[in-house]
């Protein structure tokens, strides 16, 4: 949850400092050099999207015999397509 909060804060910062400011420069035709920055929205989507990390955790917590192992298996199944999610080679309970 700490990482998630940090990602959301970083996204807010990027939105206000980079995206909106640069859009305004374009609208006002101000000469400037475009600033490239990493957009962390794909990471946020992985965490908070439907059938994302938090959604699957919530679902697992509602199960009568929910477990860490079962949750991780669901993550492996549902999130493996994301380039921001990976399963460690030597562990079956980490991501």
Protein backbone atom coordinates (compact mmCIF):
# COMPACT_ATOMS: atom_id res chain seq x y z
CA UNK A 1 0.00 0.00 0.00
CA UNK A 2 2.93 2.32 0.61
CA UNK A 3 4.19 1.74 -2.94
CA UNK A 4 0.69 2.29 -4.28
CA UNK A 5 0.38 5.58 -2.38
CA UNK A 6 3.77 6.67 -3.69
CA UNK A 7 2.76 5.83 -7.26
CA UNK A 8 -0.45 7.85 -6.90
CA UNK A 9 1.45 10.82 -5.46
CA UNK A 10 4.01 10.64 -8.26
CA UNK A 11 1.20 10.54 -10.81
CA UNK A 12 -0.38 13.66 -9.26
CA UNK A 13 2.98 15.42 -9.39
CA UNK A 14 3.52 14.40 -13.03
CA UNK A 15 0.01 15.50 -13.96
CA UNK A 16 0.37 18.98 -12.52
CA UNK A 17 4.03 19.73 -13.10
CA UNK A 18 4.61 18.08 -16.47
CA UNK A 19 1.43 17.23 -18.34
CA UNK A 20 -0.75 20.26 -17.62
CA UNK A 21 2.09 22.77 -17.70
CA UNK A 22 3.41 21.48 -21.02
CA UNK A 23 -0.09 21.47 -22.52
CA UNK A 24 -0.44 25.11 -21.53
CA UNK A 25 2.89 25.96 -23.17
CA UNK A 26 1.68 24.33 -26.39
CA UNK A 27 -1.64 26.21 -26.25
CA UNK A 28 0.13 29.52 -25.70
CA UNK A 29 2.74 28.68 -28.35
CA UNK A 30 5.60 29.28 -25.95
CA UNK A 31 8.98 28.05 -27.16
CA UNK A 32 10.43 25.47 -24.82
CA UNK A 33 12.06 22.07 -24.80
CA UNK A 34 9.69 19.18 -24.11
CA UNK A 35 10.53 17.33 -20.87
CA UNK A 36 10.34 13.55 -21.10
CA UNK A 37 9.15 11.83 -17.96
CA UNK A 38 8.06 8.35 -17.00
CA UNK A 39 4.29 8.00 -16.89
CA UNK A 40 3.55 5.51 -14.11
CA UNK A 41 -0.12 5.07 -15.04
CA UNK A 42 0.46 1.45 -16.24
CA UNK A 43 1.73 0.57 -12.74
CA UNK A 44 -1.28 2.24 -11.13
CA UNK A 45 -3.58 0.37 -13.52
CA UNK A 46 -1.98 -2.94 -12.55
CA UNK A 47 -2.63 -2.19 -8.89
CA UNK A 48 -6.14 -0.70 -9.00
CA UNK A 49 -7.79 -2.00 -12.20
CA UNK A 50 -10.58 -4.53 -12.27
CA UNK A 51 -8.92 -7.87 -11.48
CA UNK A 52 -5.76 -5.98 -10.54
CA UNK A 53 -3.65 -6.58 -7.44
CA UNK A 54 -5.98 -4.86 -4.95
CA UNK A 55 -9.14 -6.28 -6.52
CA UNK A 56 -7.74 -9.81 -6.31
CA UNK A 57 -6.61 -9.23 -2.72
CA UNK A 58 -10.08 -8.02 -1.77
CA UNK A 59 -11.61 -11.08 -3.41
CA UNK A 60 -9.20 -13.42 -1.61
CA UNK A 61 -9.99 -11.82 1.76
CA UNK A 62 -13.68 -12.65 1.25
CA UNK A 63 -12.95 -16.33 0.64
CA UNK A 64 -13.58 -18.61 3.66
CA UNK A 65 -10.17 -20.27 3.28
CA UNK A 66 -8.32 -17.52 1.49
CA UNK A 67 -4.55 -17.70 1.70
CA UNK A 68 -1.42 -15.92 0.55
CA UNK A 69 -0.62 -18.85 -1.73
CA UNK A 70 -4.04 -18.77 -3.37
CA UNK A 71 -3.82 -14.99 -3.86
CA UNK A 72 -0.37 -15.22 -5.43
CA UNK A 73 -1.58 -17.94 -7.81
CA UNK A 74 -4.43 -15.66 -8.90
CA UNK A 75 -1.95 -12.85 -9.44
CA UNK A 76 0.23 -15.09 -11.59
CA UNK A 77 -2.79 -16.05 -13.66
CA UNK A 78 -4.46 -12.65 -14.05
CA UNK A 79 -1.51 -10.23 -14.10
CA UNK A 80 1.09 -12.12 -16.11
CA UNK A 81 0.30 -10.15 -19.28
CA UNK A 82 1.44 -6.88 -17.73
CA UNK A 83 5.01 -5.84 -18.44
CA UNK A 84 5.07 -4.41 -14.90
CA UNK A 85 4.35 -7.72 -13.22
CA UNK A 86 6.70 -10.65 -13.02
CA UNK A 87 6.97 -13.91 -11.18
CA UNK A 88 10.38 -14.64 -9.66
CA UNK A 89 12.11 -17.70 -11.07
CA UNK A 90 12.89 -19.24 -7.70
CA UNK A 91 9.78 -18.49 -5.67
CA UNK A 92 6.16 -19.52 -5.89
CA UNK A 93 4.95 -17.05 -3.28
CA UNK A 94 6.46 -13.74 -4.42
CA UNK A 95 5.93 -11.23 -7.19
